[in-house]
Protein backbone atom coordinates (compact mmCIF):
# COMPACT_ATOMS: atom_id res chain seq x y z
CA MET A 1 149.51 14.24 278.16
CA THR A 2 147.25 16.43 276.00
CA GLU A 3 144.20 14.20 276.51
CA ASP A 4 144.21 14.92 280.25
CA LYS A 5 144.00 18.68 279.62
CA ILE A 6 140.92 18.50 277.37
CA VAL A 7 137.64 18.85 279.27
CA PRO A 8 133.98 19.32 278.31
CA ASP A 9 132.85 22.75 277.09
CA MET A 10 136.29 23.77 275.80
CA GLU A 11 136.23 25.48 272.41
CA VAL A 12 137.98 23.69 269.54
CA ILE A 13 139.57 26.09 267.05
CA GLY A 14 141.57 25.64 263.90
CA ALA A 15 145.14 26.89 263.51
CA ASP A 16 143.58 30.00 261.97
CA GLY A 17 141.55 30.71 265.12
CA VAL A 18 138.20 29.79 263.53
CA HIS A 19 135.66 27.90 265.67
CA VAL A 20 135.39 24.19 264.80
CA GLY A 21 133.26 22.95 267.70
CA THR A 22 132.86 22.48 271.44
CA VAL A 23 134.26 19.51 273.36
CA GLU A 24 131.64 17.15 274.72
CA ALA A 25 134.12 14.44 275.80
CA VAL A 26 137.30 12.60 274.90
CA VAL A 27 136.49 9.05 273.80
CA ASP A 28 138.86 6.40 272.44
CA GLY A 29 141.59 8.86 271.50
CA ARG A 30 139.21 11.28 269.81
CA ILE A 31 137.46 14.51 270.81
CA ARG A 32 133.69 14.13 270.57
CA LEU A 33 132.20 17.47 269.58
CA SER A 34 128.95 18.71 271.06
CA LYS A 35 125.92 17.97 268.88
CA ARG A 36 125.01 21.66 268.95
CA ASP A 37 128.05 22.17 266.69
CA SER A 38 127.20 19.24 264.44
CA GLY A 39 126.57 21.16 261.22
CA GLU A 40 123.66 21.16 258.86
CA GLY A 41 121.76 18.74 256.65
CA ARG A 42 122.55 15.07 257.13
CA HIS A 43 125.24 15.91 259.68
CA LYS A 44 122.88 17.76 262.01
CA ASP A 45 122.41 16.13 265.43
CA HIS A 46 125.17 13.55 264.86
CA SER A 47 128.21 13.20 267.08
CA HIS A 48 131.38 14.21 265.27
CA PHE A 49 134.92 13.45 266.34
CA ILE A 50 138.36 14.99 265.86
CA ALA A 51 141.44 12.77 266.26
CA LEU A 52 143.72 13.81 269.11
CA GLY A 53 146.56 13.70 266.58
CA LEU A 54 145.25 16.99 265.15
CA VAL A 55 145.63 18.80 268.51
CA ALA A 56 148.51 21.28 268.42
CA ASP A 57 147.98 22.91 271.82
CA VAL A 58 145.61 23.21 274.77
CA GLU A 59 145.61 26.63 276.40
CA GLY A 60 143.04 28.10 278.76
CA GLN A 61 139.61 27.03 277.52
CA GLN A 62 140.69 26.37 273.93
CA VAL A 63 141.93 23.35 272.04
CA ARG A 64 143.93 24.54 269.03
CA LEU A 65 144.27 22.19 266.08
CA SER A 66 147.27 21.92 263.78
CA ALA A 67 145.08 22.47 260.70
CA ASN A 68 142.97 25.47 259.67
CA ALA A 69 139.27 25.08 260.49
CA ALA A 70 138.21 24.51 256.87
CA VAL A 71 140.73 21.66 256.57
CA ALA A 72 140.08 20.26 260.06
CA VAL A 73 136.38 19.68 259.36
CA THR A 74 137.36 17.44 256.45
CA PHE A 75 139.10 15.23 259.03
CA GLU A 76 135.99 15.00 261.23
CA GLU A 77 134.61 11.54 261.75
CA GLU A 78 131.19 10.32 262.72
CA GLN A 79 130.71 7.86 265.57
CA SER A 80 131.55 4.90 263.35
CA GLY A 81 135.06 6.26 262.80
CA ASN A 82 134.36 6.94 259.13
CA PRO A 83 135.24 10.36 257.69
CA VAL A 84 132.24 12.65 257.27
């Protein structure tokens, strides 16, 4: 199971290899990204989540998503489960 392979401090990258965030934890079927990668403005210092359904592969210390980074961030959710 992919969820078992994902651990804190792994890098999350898009299908294009671009950095999306750093894993803080896996919670309720979603990857919680570290707040240090939370973005700017109103998104700064908020927990953001990526659905495990977007994970294409876990290899070494990287979680590769099935979408390019620019597209993947549009799928990010805040703690409430609502899209950002």
